[in-house]
Amino acid sequence: MFAWFSIFADWFVYDILALSNQTQLGQAVHFFVEDTTKIFALLIVMIYAIGWLRASLDVERVRGYLAGKPKVVGYGLGAGFGAITPFCSCSSIPVFLGFTSAGIPIGITMAFLLTSPLINEVAILLLFSLLGFKVTLIYAVTGIAIGVLGGALLDLLKAERWLQPLAAKAYAMGQVASEQQADGNTAAARNANPEKDRKVTWQQRHQFAKSETSEIFGRVWKWVIIGVSLGAALHGFVPAGWLEANLGDGQWWSVPAAVMMGIPLYANATGVIPVLESLLIQGVPLGTTLAFCMSTVAASFPEFIMLKQVMQWRLLALIFSILLLSFTLMGWVLNMV
């Protein structure tokens, strides 16, 4: 399906704009057109689909599934769901609101959001076919561990106090619902809100999802353009082979340097796998390569620009620091062993 976006970008950039695919400008514009159209399409589809599901979100059922389980299990479940659910930065806001409105602890929500961009089943299968079991296992275990440990730390720091008003309101309402369930007041809550007992029709789902799509897309589209523009500039104007030439010796500084280089770029877990393979073939150490690819996927500008709509800068800076520290430590350890 994604091939259509590349075909459209080829036609628009190389035929309509008459730019050459051999020039840096042509490559940068192609990257911008392809990724912007792809992200916009995914953004609209994902917000609508998640809104359609959220129209009848059963808070008690979600809470009941997690009730009574130790938080460590909850973090594992959140990270595990993230690993098998192919969400990316374009769906981060509706997913976050869906979790918070269900009253799920912020740490479990963040375990999901930290893991989901890093790992999906397509990326795992592709990575296994290209590089074998060992690298695939290291990548998957590292991604899940970052989600679990990051979620636990954010819960410990009570990160919900740094949510934007929209997300804070959804979280507070979810917490109230979960407390009512724990106190045995679910029936009273339903009586106070008889609309909840009615079956949600397809038309009602459509109207709710349409409203969600319009509101959220209207807030984030310009930030998508800014984020992809930064990635396109670096994609088109960083000389080919420069990264391999400067990070191939495994010096201690190469890992944090690779992490910082990956931040402005944008790719999903599936798209970054060929880059990972290329870097390893060119002699870049495994730890440096994984640090670069993970920062490209999970610490990208589009991801954080979108999450700014539901998180305050303090929380974003904390998540950003957790990711950078995790990727750097992981890279150093892998390079040493």
C-alpha atoms as a PDB file:
ATOM      1  CA  MET A   1       0.000   0.000   0.000  1.00  0.00           C
ATOM      2  CA  PHE A   2       2.796   2.439   0.906  1.00  0.00           C
ATOM      3  CA  ALA A   3       4.270   2.005  -2.579  1.00  0.00           C
ATOM      4  CA  TRP A   4       1.531   4.292  -3.908  1.00  0.00           C
ATOM      5  CA  PHE A   5       2.960   7.208  -1.916  1.00  0.00           C
ATOM      6  CA  SER A   6       6.388   6.647  -3.456  1.00  0.00           C
ATOM      7  CA  ILE A   7       4.850   6.403  -6.939  1.00  0.00           C
ATOM      8  CA  PHE A   8       2.942   9.643  -6.361  1.00  0.00           C
ATOM      9  CA  ALA A   9       6.112  11.367  -5.107  1.00  0.00           C
ATOM     10  CA  ASP A  10       8.037  10.116  -8.166  1.00  0.00           C
ATOM     11  CA  TRP A  11       5.394  11.534 -10.503  1.00  0.00           C
ATOM     12  CA  PHE A  12       5.006  14.850  -8.689  1.00  0.00           C
ATOM     13  CA  VAL A  13       8.679  15.599  -8.008  1.00  0.00           C
ATOM     14  CA  TYR A  14      10.387  14.151 -11.070  1.00  0.00           C
ATOM     15  CA  ASP A  15       7.682  14.670 -13.737  1.00  0.00           C
ATOM     16  CA  ILE A  16       5.630  17.683 -12.610  1.00  0.00           C
ATOM     17  CA  LEU A  17       8.374  19.644 -10.810  1.00  0.00           C
ATOM     18  CA  ALA A  18      11.040  18.277 -13.177  1.00  0.00           C
ATOM     19  CA  LEU A  19      13.620  17.831 -10.408  1.00  0.00           C
ATOM     20  CA  SER A  20      16.376  15.264 -10.848  1.00  0.00           C
ATOM     21  CA  ASN A  21      16.604  12.268  -8.545  1.00  0.00           C
ATOM     22  CA  GLN A  22      20.393  12.651  -8.722  1.00  0.00           C
ATOM     23  CA  THR A  23      20.389  16.005  -6.914  1.00  0.00           C
ATOM     24  CA  GLN A  24      20.201  16.665  -3.191  1.00  0.00           C
ATOM     25  CA  LEU A  25      17.263  19.014  -3.712  1.00  0.00           C
ATOM     26  CA  GLY A  26      15.335  16.394  -5.666  1.00  0.00           C
ATOM     27  CA  GLN A  27      15.916  13.750  -3.010  1.00  0.00           C
ATOM     28  CA  ALA A  28      14.907  16.098  -0.191  1.00  0.00           C
ATOM     29  CA  VAL A  29      11.710  17.220  -1.942  1.00  0.00           C
ATOM     30  CA  HIS A  30      10.851  13.613  -2.795  1.00  0.00           C
ATOM     31  CA  PHE A  31      11.287  12.630   0.852  1.00  0.00           C
ATOM     32  CA  PHE A  32       9.082  15.518   1.948  1.00  0.00           C
ATOM     33  CA  VAL A  33       6.276  14.779  -0.531  1.00  0.00           C
ATOM     34  CA  GLU A  34       6.254  11.034   0.089  1.00  0.00           C
ATOM     35  CA  ASP A  35       6.376  11.202   3.892  1.00  0.00           C
ATOM     36  CA  THR A  36       3.959  14.110   4.233  1.00  0.00           C
ATOM     37  CA  THR A  37       1.285  12.450   2.091  1.00  0.00           C
ATOM     38  CA  LYS A  38       1.855   9.112   3.840  1.00  0.00           C
ATOM     39  CA  ILE A  39       1.674  10.572   7.342  1.00  0.00           C
ATOM     40  CA  PHE A  40      -1.402  12.653   6.527  1.00  0.00           C
ATOM     41  CA  ALA A  41      -3.184   9.606   5.109  1.00  0.00           C
ATOM     42  CA  LEU A  42      -2.219   7.455   8.095  1.00  0.00           C
ATOM     43  CA  LEU A  43      -3.113  10.236  10.505  1.00  0.00           C
ATOM     44  CA  ILE A  44      -6.637  10.593   9.136  1.00  0.00           C
ATOM     45  CA  VAL A  45      -7.251   6.851   8.940  1.00  0.00           C
ATOM     46  CA  MET A  46      -5.833   6.100  12.391  1.00  0.00           C
ATOM     47  CA  ILE A  47      -7.619   8.949  14.195  1.00  0.00           C
ATOM     48  CA  TYR A  48     -10.911   7.961  12.578  1.00  0.00           C
ATOM     49  CA  ALA A  49     -10.454   4.244  13.296  1.00  0.00           C
ATOM     50  CA  ILE A  50      -9.467   4.776  16.921  1.00  0.00           C
ATOM     51  CA  GLY A  51     -12.255   7.325  17.380  1.00  0.00           C
ATOM     52  CA  TRP A  52     -14.724   4.814  15.937  1.00  0.00           C
ATOM     53  CA  LEU A  53     -13.604   2.282  18.537  1.00  0.00           C
ATOM     54  CA  ARG A  54     -13.499   4.825  21.355  1.00  0.00           C
ATOM     55  CA  ALA A  55     -17.119   5.775  20.713  1.00  0.00           C
ATOM     56  CA  SER A  56     -18.177   2.812  22.834  1.00  0.00           C
ATOM     57  CA  LEU A  57     -15.128   2.480  25.051  1.00  0.00           C
ATOM     58  CA  ASP A  58     -16.065   0.326  28.046  1.00  0.00           C
ATOM     59  CA  VAL A  59     -14.011   1.758  30.891  1.00  0.00           C
ATOM     60  CA  GLU A  60     -15.045  -0.972  33.316  1.00  0.00           C
ATOM     61  CA  ARG A  61     -13.979  -3.729  30.952  1.00  0.00           C
ATOM     62  CA  VAL A  62     -10.548  -2.222  30.356  1.00  0.00           C
ATOM     63  CA  ARG A  63     -10.015  -1.528  34.020  1.00  0.00           C
ATOM     64  CA  GLY A  64     -11.327  -4.974  34.924  1.00  0.00           C
ATOM     65  CA  TYR A  65      -8.743  -6.585  32.699  1.00  0.00           C
ATOM     66  CA  LEU A  66      -5.901  -4.808  34.496  1.00  0.00           C
ATOM     67  CA  ALA A  67      -7.474  -4.760  37.981  1.00  0.00           C
ATOM     68  CA  GLY A  68      -5.657  -6.687  40.660  1.00  0.00           C
ATOM     69  CA  LYS A  69      -2.535  -7.195  38.567  1.00  0.00           C
ATOM     70  CA  PRO A  70       0.799  -5.957  39.957  1.00  0.00           C
ATOM     71  CA  LYS A  71       2.049  -2.832  38.230  1.00  0.00           C
ATOM     72  CA  VAL A  72       5.059  -4.722  36.923  1.00  0.00           C
ATOM     73  CA  VAL A  73       2.657  -7.012  35.055  1.00  0.00           C
ATOM     74  CA  GLY A  74       0.809  -3.945  33.778  1.00  0.00           C
ATOM     75  CA  TYR A  75       4.011  -2.460  32.383  1.00  0.00           C
ATOM     76  CA  GLY A  76       4.790  -5.766  30.693  1.00  0.00           C
ATOM     77  CA  LEU A  77       1.288  -5.938  29.212  1.00  0.00           C
ATOM     78  CA  GLY A  78       1.513  -2.339  27.985  1.00  0.00           C
ATOM     79  CA  ALA A  79       4.896  -2.909  26.366  1.00  0.00           C
ATOM     80  CA  GLY A  80       3.726  -6.248  24.972  1.00  0.00           C
ATOM     81  CA  PHE A  81       0.637  -4.703  23.398  1.00  0.00           C
ATOM     82  CA  GLY A  82       2.851  -1.973  21.979  1.00  0.00           C
ATOM     83  CA  ALA A  83       5.146  -4.564  20.399  1.00  0.00           C
ATOM     84  CA  ILE A  84       2.311  -6.317  18.559  1.00  0.00           C
ATOM     85  CA  THR A  85       0.324  -3.201  17.692  1.00  0.00           C
ATOM     86  CA  PRO A  86       1.701  -1.286  14.682  1.00  0.00           C
ATOM     87  CA  PHE A  87       1.020   2.241  15.908  1.00  0.00           C
ATOM     88  CA  CYS A  88       3.415   4.989  14.974  1.00  0.00           C
ATOM     89  CA  SER A  89       3.871   8.662  15.769  1.00  0.00           C
ATOM     90  CA  CYS A  90       0.901   9.601  13.565  1.00  0.00           C
ATOM     91  CA  SER A  91      -1.491   7.774  15.916  1.00  0.00           C
ATOM     92  CA  SER A  92       0.135   8.734  19.226  1.00  0.00           C
ATOM     93  CA  ILE A  93      -2.486  11.304  20.293  1.00  0.00           C
ATOM     94  CA  PRO A  94      -5.657   9.225  19.800  1.00  0.00           C
ATOM     95  CA  VAL A  95      -3.989   6.179  21.357  1.00  0.00           C
ATOM     96  CA  PHE A  96      -2.836   8.231  24.346  1.00  0.00           C
ATOM     97  CA  LEU A  97      -6.297   9.733  24.864  1.00  0.00           C
ATOM     98  CA  GLY A  98      -7.890   6.315  24.540  1.00  0.00           C
ATOM     99  CA  PHE A  99      -5.683   4.897  27.275  1.00  0.00           C
ATOM    100  CA  THR A 100      -5.993   7.881  29.612  1.00  0.00           C
ATOM    101  CA  SER A 101      -9.781   8.064  29.244  1.00  0.00           C
ATOM    102  CA  ALA A 102      -9.903   4.407  30.296  1.00  0.00           C
ATOM    103  CA  GLY A 103      -8.191   5.348  33.569  1.00  0.00           C
ATOM    104  CA  ILE A 104      -5.123   3.257  32.791  1.00  0.00           C
ATOM    105  CA  PRO A 105      -2.102   4.407  34.864  1.00  0.00           C
ATOM    106  CA  ILE A 106       0.212   6.778  33.029  1.00  0.00           C
ATOM    107  CA  GLY A 107       3.143   4.384  33.361  1.00  0.00           C
ATOM    108  CA  ILE A 108       1.327   1.565  31.555  1.00  0.00           C
ATOM    109  CA  THR A 109       0.194   4.001  28.873  1.00  0.00           C
ATOM    110  CA  MET A 110       3.743   5.213  28.357  1.00  0.00           C
ATOM    111  CA  ALA A 111       5.085   1.637  28.302  1.00  0.00           C
ATOM    112  CA  PHE A 112       2.765   1.121  25.326  1.00  0.00           C
ATOM    113  CA  LEU A 113       3.698   4.372  23.581  1.00  0.00           C
ATOM    114  CA  LEU A 114       7.444   3.930  24.101  1.00  0.00           C
ATOM    115  CA  THR A 115       7.426   0.372  22.736  1.00  0.00           C
ATOM    116  CA  SER A 116       4.944   0.660  19.882  1.00  0.00           C
ATOM    117  CA  PRO A 117       7.044   2.806  17.500  1.00  0.00           C
ATOM    118  CA  LEU A 118      10.118   0.654  18.108  1.00  0.00           C
ATOM    119  CA  ILE A 119       8.682  -2.787  17.459  1.00  0.00           C
ATOM    120  CA  ASN A 120       6.021  -4.332  15.247  1.00  0.00           C
ATOM    121  CA  GLU A 121       5.542  -7.774  13.781  1.00  0.00           C
ATOM    122  CA  VAL A 122       6.484  -6.701  10.233  1.00  0.00           C
ATOM    123  CA  ALA A 123       9.748  -5.146  11.418  1.00  0.00           C
ATOM    124  CA  ILE A 124      10.594  -8.227  13.481  1.00  0.00           C
ATOM    125  CA  LEU A 125      10.019 -10.602  10.560  1.00  0.00           C
ATOM    126  CA  LEU A 126      12.009  -8.356   8.214  1.00  0.00           C
ATOM    127  CA  LEU A 127      14.852  -7.988  10.692  1.00  0.00           C
ATOM    128  CA  PHE A 128      14.957 -11.754  11.272  1.00  0.00           C
ATOM    129  CA  SER A 129      15.069 -12.469   7.540  1.00  0.00           C
ATOM    130  CA  LEU A 130      17.901  -9.971   6.974  1.00  0.00           C
ATOM    131  CA  LEU A 131      20.084 -10.297  10.061  1.00  0.00           C
ATOM    132  CA  GLY A 132      19.077 -13.469  11.865  1.00  0.00           C
ATOM    133  CA  PHE A 133      17.794 -14.434  15.291  1.00  0.00           C
ATOM    134  CA  LYS A 134      20.467 -12.852  17.522  1.00  0.00           C
ATOM    135  CA  VAL A 135      20.116  -9.263  16.297  1.00  0.00           C
ATOM    136  CA  THR A 136      16.334  -9.600  16.166  1.00  0.00           C
ATOM    137  CA  LEU A 137      16.172 -10.830  19.769  1.00  0.00           C
ATOM    138  CA  ILE A 138      18.461  -8.044  20.989  1.00  0.00           C
ATOM    139  CA  TYR A 139      16.353  -5.424  19.207  1.00  0.00           C
ATOM    140  CA  ALA A 140      13.034  -6.778  20.531  1.00  0.00           C
ATOM    141  CA  VAL A 141      14.192  -7.290  24.132  1.00  0.00           C
ATOM    142  CA  THR A 142      15.808  -3.848  24.224  1.00  0.00           C
ATOM    143  CA  GLY A 143      12.659  -2.145  22.898  1.00  0.00           C
ATOM    144  CA  ILE A 144      10.382  -3.880  25.410  1.00  0.00           C
ATOM    145  CA  ALA A 145      12.798  -3.215  28.284  1.00  0.00           C
ATOM    146  CA  ILE A 146      12.880   0.509  27.445  1.00  0.00           C
ATOM    147  CA  GLY A 147       9.067   0.582  27.506  1.00  0.00           C
ATOM    148  CA  VAL A 148       8.777  -1.273  30.832  1.00  0.00           C
ATOM    149  CA  LEU A 149      11.502   0.674  32.656  1.00  0.00           C
ATOM    150  CA  GLY A 150      10.400   4.020  31.200  1.00  0.00           C
ATOM    151  CA  GLY A 151       6.794   3.396  32.211  1.00  0.00           C
ATOM    152  CA  ALA A 152       7.792   2.405  35.743  1.00  0.00           C
ATOM    153  CA  LEU A 153       9.916   5.534  36.177  1.00  0.00           C
ATOM    154  CA  LEU A 154       7.155   7.831  34.887  1.00  0.00           C
ATOM    155  CA  ASP A 155       4.672   6.250  37.300  1.00  0.00           C
ATOM    156  CA  LEU A 156       7.143   6.704  40.147  1.00  0.00           C
ATOM    157  CA  LEU A 157       7.490  10.396  39.276  1.00  0.00           C
ATOM    158  CA  LYS A 158       3.690  10.819  38.981  1.00  0.00           C
ATOM    159  CA  ALA A 159       3.995  12.069  35.420  1.00  0.00           C
ATOM    160  CA  GLU A 160       0.226  12.596  35.081  1.00  0.00           C
ATOM    161  CA  ARG A 161       0.653  16.014  36.736  1.00  0.00           C
ATOM    162  CA  TRP A 162       2.411  17.212  33.561  1.00  0.00           C
ATOM    163  CA  LEU A 163      -0.381  16.459  31.096  1.00  0.00           C
ATOM    164  CA  GLN A 164      -2.033  19.130  28.974  1.00  0.00           C
ATOM    165  CA  PRO A 165      -5.594  20.087  30.098  1.00  0.00           C
ATOM    166  CA  LEU A 166      -7.239  17.902  27.426  1.00  0.00           C
ATOM    167  CA  ALA A 167      -5.352  14.779  28.451  1.00  0.00           C
ATOM    168  CA  ALA A 168      -5.504  15.628  32.157  1.00  0.00           C
ATOM    169  CA  LYS A 169      -9.291  15.877  31.969  1.00  0.00           C
ATOM    170  CA  ALA A 170      -9.527  12.518  30.183  1.00  0.00           C
ATOM    171  CA  TYR A 171      -7.205  10.947  32.749  1.00  0.00           C
ATOM    172  CA  ALA A 172      -9.139  12.389  35.697  1.00  0.00           C
ATOM    173  CA  MET A 173     -12.444  11.137  34.309  1.00  0.00           C
ATOM    174  CA  GLY A 174     -10.930   7.703  33.783  1.00  0.00           C
ATOM    175  CA  GLN A 175      -9.622   7.634  37.326  1.00  0.00           C
ATOM    176  CA  VAL A 176     -13.046   8.570  38.699  1.00  0.00           C
ATOM    177  CA  ALA A 177     -14.636   5.763  36.715  1.00  0.00           C
ATOM    178  CA  SER A 178     -12.067   3.255  37.975  1.00  0.00           C
ATOM    179  CA  GLU A 179     -12.600   4.358  41.591  1.00  0.00           C
ATOM    180  CA  GLN A 180     -16.348   3.950  41.203  1.00  0.00           C
ATOM    181  CA  GLN A 181     -15.786   0.447  39.931  1.00  0.00           C
ATOM    182  CA  ALA A 182     -13.465  -0.386  42.819  1.00  0.00           C
ATOM    183  CA  ASP A 183     -16.025   0.917  45.323  1.00  0.00           C
ATOM    184  CA  GLY A 184     -18.824  -1.109  43.790  1.00  0.00           C
ATOM    185  CA  ASN A 185     -20.541   2.004  42.456  1.00  0.00           C
ATOM    186  CA  THR A 186     -20.563   1.045  38.784  1.00  0.00           C
ATOM    187  CA  ALA A 187     -24.334   0.611  38.762  1.00  0.00           C
ATOM    188  CA  ALA A 188     -24.859   4.050  40.293  1.00  0.00           C
ATOM    189  CA  ALA A 189     -22.534   5.571  37.736  1.00  0.00           C
ATOM    190  CA  ARG A 190     -24.521   3.975  34.929  1.00  0.00           C
ATOM    191  CA  ASN A 191     -27.780   5.304  36.384  1.00  0.00           C
ATOM    192  CA  ALA A 192     -26.294   8.771  36.495  1.00  0.00           C
ATOM    193  CA  ASN A 193     -25.396   8.438  32.829  1.00  0.00           C
ATOM    194  CA  PRO A 194     -28.164   6.432  31.114  1.00  0.00           C
ATOM    195  CA  GLU A 195     -26.688   7.188  27.687  1.00  0.00           C
ATOM    196  CA  LYS A 196     -23.935   4.713  28.505  1.00  0.00           C
ATOM    197  CA  ASP A 197     -26.405   1.832  28.569  1.00  0.00           C
ATOM    198  CA  ARG A 198     -27.562   2.471  25.028  1.00  0.00           C
ATOM    199  CA  LYS A 199     -26.058   0.603  22.150  1.00  0.00           C
ATOM    200  CA  VAL A 200     -23.903   2.895  20.056  1.00  0.00           C
ATOM    201  CA  THR A 201     -25.103   2.923  16.473  1.00  0.00           C
ATOM    202  CA  TRP A 202     -22.833   2.993  13.435  1.00  0.00           C
ATOM    203  CA  GLN A 203     -23.988   6.534  12.677  1.00  0.00           C
ATOM    204  CA  GLN A 204     -23.081   7.680  16.191  1.00  0.00           C
ATOM    205  CA  ARG A 205     -19.676   6.025  15.879  1.00  0.00           C
ATOM    206  CA  HIS A 206     -19.137   7.776  12.555  1.00  0.00           C
ATOM    207  CA  GLN A 207     -20.082  11.187  13.918  1.00  0.00           C
ATOM    208  CA  PHE A 208     -17.834  10.772  16.976  1.00  0.00           C
ATOM    209  CA  ALA A 209     -14.891   9.563  14.867  1.00  0.00           C
ATOM    210  CA  LYS A 210     -15.438  12.346  12.326  1.00  0.00           C
ATOM    211  CA  SER A 211     -15.422  14.960  15.081  1.00  0.00           C
ATOM    212  CA  GLU A 212     -12.249  13.483  16.627  1.00  0.00           C
ATOM    213  CA  THR A 213     -10.528  13.447  13.233  1.00  0.00           C
ATOM    214  CA  SER A 214     -11.393  17.047  12.452  1.00  0.00           C
ATOM    215  CA  GLU A 215     -10.337  18.362  15.868  1.00  0.00           C
ATOM    216  CA  ILE A 216      -7.054  16.490  16.226  1.00  0.00           C
ATOM    217  CA  PHE A 217      -5.936  16.796  12.591  1.00  0.00           C
ATOM    218  CA  GLY A 218      -6.673  20.529  12.687  1.00  0.00           C
ATOM    219  CA  ARG A 219      -4.246  20.911  15.601  1.00  0.00           C
ATOM    220  CA  VAL A 220      -1.335  18.840  14.350  1.00  0.00           C
ATOM    221  CA  TRP A 221      -1.114  19.101  10.542  1.00  0.00           C
ATOM    222  CA  LYS A 222       1.229  22.101  10.580  1.00  0.00           C
ATOM    223  CA  TRP A 223       3.517  20.403  13.073  1.00  0.00           C
ATOM    224  CA  VAL A 224       3.743  17.373  10.804  1.00  0.00           C
ATOM    225  CA  ILE A 225       4.920  19.608   7.971  1.00  0.00           C
ATOM    226  CA  ILE A 226       7.557  21.221  10.214  1.00  0.00           C
ATOM    227  CA  GLY A 227       8.833  17.877  11.498  1.00  0.00           C
ATOM    228  CA  VAL A 228       9.018  16.185   8.094  1.00  0.00           C
ATOM    229  CA  SER A 229      10.684  19.275   6.602  1.00  0.00           C
ATOM    230  CA  LEU A 230      13.523  18.957   9.112  1.00  0.00           C
ATOM    231  CA  GLY A 231      13.887  15.280   8.314  1.00  0.00           C
ATOM    232  CA  ALA A 232      13.798  15.947   4.556  1.00  0.00           C
ATOM    233  CA  ALA A 233      16.532  18.572   4.815  1.00  0.00           C
ATOM    234  CA  LEU A 234      18.862  16.174   6.573  1.00  0.00           C
ATOM    235  CA  HIS A 235      17.824  13.246   4.371  1.00  0.00           C
ATOM    236  CA  GLY A 236      18.652  15.123   1.199  1.00  0.00           C
ATOM    237  CA  PHE A 237      21.699  17.137   2.217  1.00  0.00           C
ATOM    238  CA  VAL A 238      23.724  14.846   4.513  1.00  0.00           C
ATOM    239  CA  PRO A 239      26.297  13.276   2.134  1.00  0.00           C
ATOM    240  CA  ALA A 240      25.843   9.569   1.415  1.00  0.00           C
ATOM    241  CA  GLY A 241      28.314   7.453   3.341  1.00  0.00           C
ATOM    242  CA  TRP A 242      29.217  10.215   5.782  1.00  0.00           C
ATOM    243  CA  LEU A 243      27.572   8.439   8.721  1.00  0.00           C
ATOM    244  CA  GLU A 244      29.372   5.163   8.029  1.00  0.00           C
ATOM    245  CA  ALA A 245      32.701   6.921   7.578  1.00  0.00           C
ATOM    246  CA  ASN A 246      32.497   8.809  10.868  1.00  0.00           C
ATOM    247  CA  LEU A 247      30.927   6.206  13.176  1.00  0.00           C
ATOM    248  CA  GLY A 248      32.663   3.024  12.096  1.00  0.00           C
ATOM    249  CA  ASP A 249      35.451   2.813  14.703  1.00  0.00           C
ATOM    250  CA  GLY A 250      33.243   2.367  17.778  1.00  0.00           C
ATOM    251  CA  GLN A 251      34.670   5.223  19.871  1.00  0.00           C
ATOM    252  CA  TRP A 252      32.770   6.015  23.071  1.00  0.00           C
ATOM    253  CA  TRP A 253      31.421   9.255  21.647  1.00  0.00           C
ATOM    254  CA  SER A 254      30.072   7.546  18.525  1.00  0.00           C
ATOM    255  CA  VAL A 255      27.009   6.186  20.357  1.00  0.00           C
ATOM    256  CA  PRO A 256      25.675   9.504  21.741  1.00  0.00           C
ATOM    257  CA  ALA A 257      26.618  11.116  18.417  1.00  0.00           C
ATOM    258  CA  ALA A 258      24.583   8.507  16.537  1.00  0.00           C
ATOM    259  CA  VAL A 259      21.632   9.052  18.886  1.00  0.00           C
ATOM    260  CA  MET A 260      21.715  12.817  18.333  1.00  0.00           C
ATOM    261  CA  MET A 261      21.981  12.359  14.557  1.00  0.00           C
ATOM    262  CA  GLY A 262      18.953  10.104  14.499  1.00  0.00           C
ATOM    263  CA  ILE A 263      16.646  12.484  16.363  1.00  0.00           C
ATOM    264  CA  PRO A 264      15.855  14.930  13.514  1.00  0.00           C
ATOM    265  CA  LEU A 265      15.185  12.102  11.064  1.00  0.00           C
ATOM    266  CA  TYR A 266      11.894  10.269  10.741  1.00  0.00           C
ATOM    267  CA  ALA A 267      11.193   6.598   9.969  1.00  0.00           C
ATOM    268  CA  ASN A 268       8.962   3.859  11.285  1.00  0.00           C
ATOM    269  CA  ALA A 269      10.325   0.579  12.643  1.00  0.00           C
ATOM    270  CA  THR A 270       9.771  -1.198   9.342  1.00  0.00           C
ATOM    271  CA  GLY A 271      11.408   1.481   7.215  1.00  0.00           C
ATOM    272  CA  VAL A 272      14.498   1.747   9.412  1.00  0.00           C
ATOM    273  CA  ILE A 273      15.414  -1.948   9.121  1.00  0.00           C
ATOM    274  CA  PRO A 274      17.136  -1.574   5.694  1.00  0.00           C
ATOM    275  CA  VAL A 275      19.116   1.347   7.153  1.00  0.00           C
ATOM    276  CA  LEU A 276      20.144  -0.854  10.074  1.00  0.00           C
ATOM    277  CA  GLU A 277      21.302  -3.571   7.696  1.00  0.00           C
ATOM    278  CA  SER A 278      23.256  -1.099   5.559  1.00  0.00           C
ATOM    279  CA  LEU A 279      25.070   0.391   8.552  1.00  0.00           C
ATOM    280  CA  LEU A 280      26.085  -3.038   9.846  1.00  0.00           C
ATOM    281  CA  ILE A 281      27.347  -4.067   6.404  1.00  0.00           C
ATOM    282  CA  GLN A 282      29.414  -0.864   6.245  1.00  0.00           C
ATOM    283  CA  GLY A 283      31.101  -1.771   9.544  1.00  0.00           C
ATOM    284  CA  VAL A 284      29.265   0.442  12.033  1.00  0.00           C
ATOM    285  CA  PRO A 285      29.193  -1.435  15.392  1.00  0.00           C
ATOM    286  CA  LEU A 286      25.915  -3.076  16.458  1.00  0.00           C
ATOM    287  CA  GLY A 287      25.402  -0.843  19.515  1.00  0.00           C
ATOM    288  CA  THR A 288      25.970   2.358  17.545  1.00  0.00           C
ATOM    289  CA  THR A 289      23.683   1.142  14.756  1.00  0.00           C
ATOM    290  CA  LEU A 290      20.815   0.199  17.088  1.00  0.00           C
ATOM    291  CA  ALA A 291      21.183   3.470  19.014  1.00  0.00           C
ATOM    292  CA  PHE A 292      20.927   5.462  15.782  1.00  0.00           C
ATOM    293  CA  CYS A 293      17.950   3.495  14.422  1.00  0.00           C
ATOM    294  CA  MET A 294      16.014   3.513  17.698  1.00  0.00           C
ATOM    295  CA  SER A 295      16.445   7.262  18.123  1.00  0.00           C
ATOM    296  CA  THR A 296      15.251   7.758  14.542  1.00  0.00           C
ATOM    297  CA  VAL A 297      12.079   5.757  15.259  1.00  0.00           C
ATOM    298  CA  ALA A 298      11.207   6.610  18.866  1.00  0.00           C
ATOM    299  CA  ALA A 299      12.743  10.041  19.481  1.00  0.00           C
ATOM    300  CA  SER A 300      11.858  11.730  16.204  1.00  0.00           C
ATOM    301  CA  PHE A 301      10.626  15.312  15.907  1.00  0.00           C
ATOM    302  CA  PRO A 302       7.185  14.346  14.510  1.00  0.00           C
ATOM    303  CA  GLU A 303       6.537  12.062  17.503  1.00  0.00           C
ATOM    304  CA  PHE A 304       7.335  14.736  20.091  1.00  0.00           C
ATOM    305  CA  ILE A 305       5.718  17.575  18.171  1.00  0.00           C
ATOM    306  CA  MET A 306       2.462  15.608  18.099  1.00  0.00           C
ATOM    307  CA  LEU A 307       2.714  14.544  21.743  1.00  0.00           C
ATOM    308  CA  LYS A 308       3.098  18.226  22.681  1.00  0.00           C
ATOM    309  CA  GLN A 309      -0.664  18.454  22.140  1.00  0.00           C
ATOM    310  CA  VAL A 310      -1.290  16.162  25.159  1.00  0.00           C
ATOM    311  CA  MET A 311       1.859  16.650  27.275  1.00  0.00           C
ATOM    312  CA  GLN A 312       3.581  19.632  28.829  1.00  0.00           C
ATOM    313  CA  TRP A 313       7.166  20.444  27.922  1.00  0.00           C
ATOM    314  CA  ARG A 314       8.419  19.110  31.248  1.00  0.00           C
ATOM    315  CA  LEU A 315       6.992  15.652  30.584  1.00  0.00           C
ATOM    316  CA  LEU A 316       8.213  15.659  26.989  1.00  0.00           C
ATOM    317  CA  ALA A 317      11.722  16.598  28.154  1.00  0.00           C
ATOM    318  CA  LEU A 318      11.648  13.798  30.712  1.00  0.00           C
ATOM    319  CA  ILE A 319      10.560  11.185  28.150  1.00  0.00           C
ATOM    320  CA  PHE A 320      13.127  12.533  25.702  1.00  0.00           C
ATOM    321  CA  SER A 321      15.892  12.217  28.319  1.00  0.00           C
ATOM    322  CA  ILE A 322      14.827   8.675  29.244  1.00  0.00           C
ATOM    323  CA  LEU A 323      15.005   7.605  25.613  1.00  0.00           C
ATOM    324  CA  LEU A 324      18.357   9.248  24.921  1.00  0.00           C
ATOM    325  CA  LEU A 325      19.917   7.790  28.066  1.00  0.00           C
ATOM    326  CA  SER A 326      18.453   4.341  27.351  1.00  0.00           C
ATOM    327  CA  PHE A 327      19.681   4.274  23.758  1.00  0.00           C
ATOM    328  CA  THR A 328      23.135   5.515  24.745  1.00  0.00           C
ATOM    329  CA  LEU A 329      23.601   2.986  27.566  1.00  0.00           C
ATOM    330  CA  MET A 330      22.291   0.186  25.362  1.00  0.00           C
ATOM    331  CA  GLY A 331      24.699   1.166  22.585  1.00  0.00           C
ATOM    332  CA  TRP A 332      27.719   1.284  24.908  1.00  0.00           C
ATOM    333  CA  VAL A 333      26.910  -2.117  26.423  1.00  0.00           C
ATOM    334  CA  LEU A 334      26.426  -3.795  23.041  1.00  0.00           C
ATOM    335  CA  ASN A 335      29.621  -2.284  21.643  1.00  0.00           C
ATOM    336  CA  MET A 336      31.589  -3.612  24.633  1.00  0.00           C
ATOM    337  CA  VAL A 337      30.228  -7.150  24.410  1.00  0.00           C
END
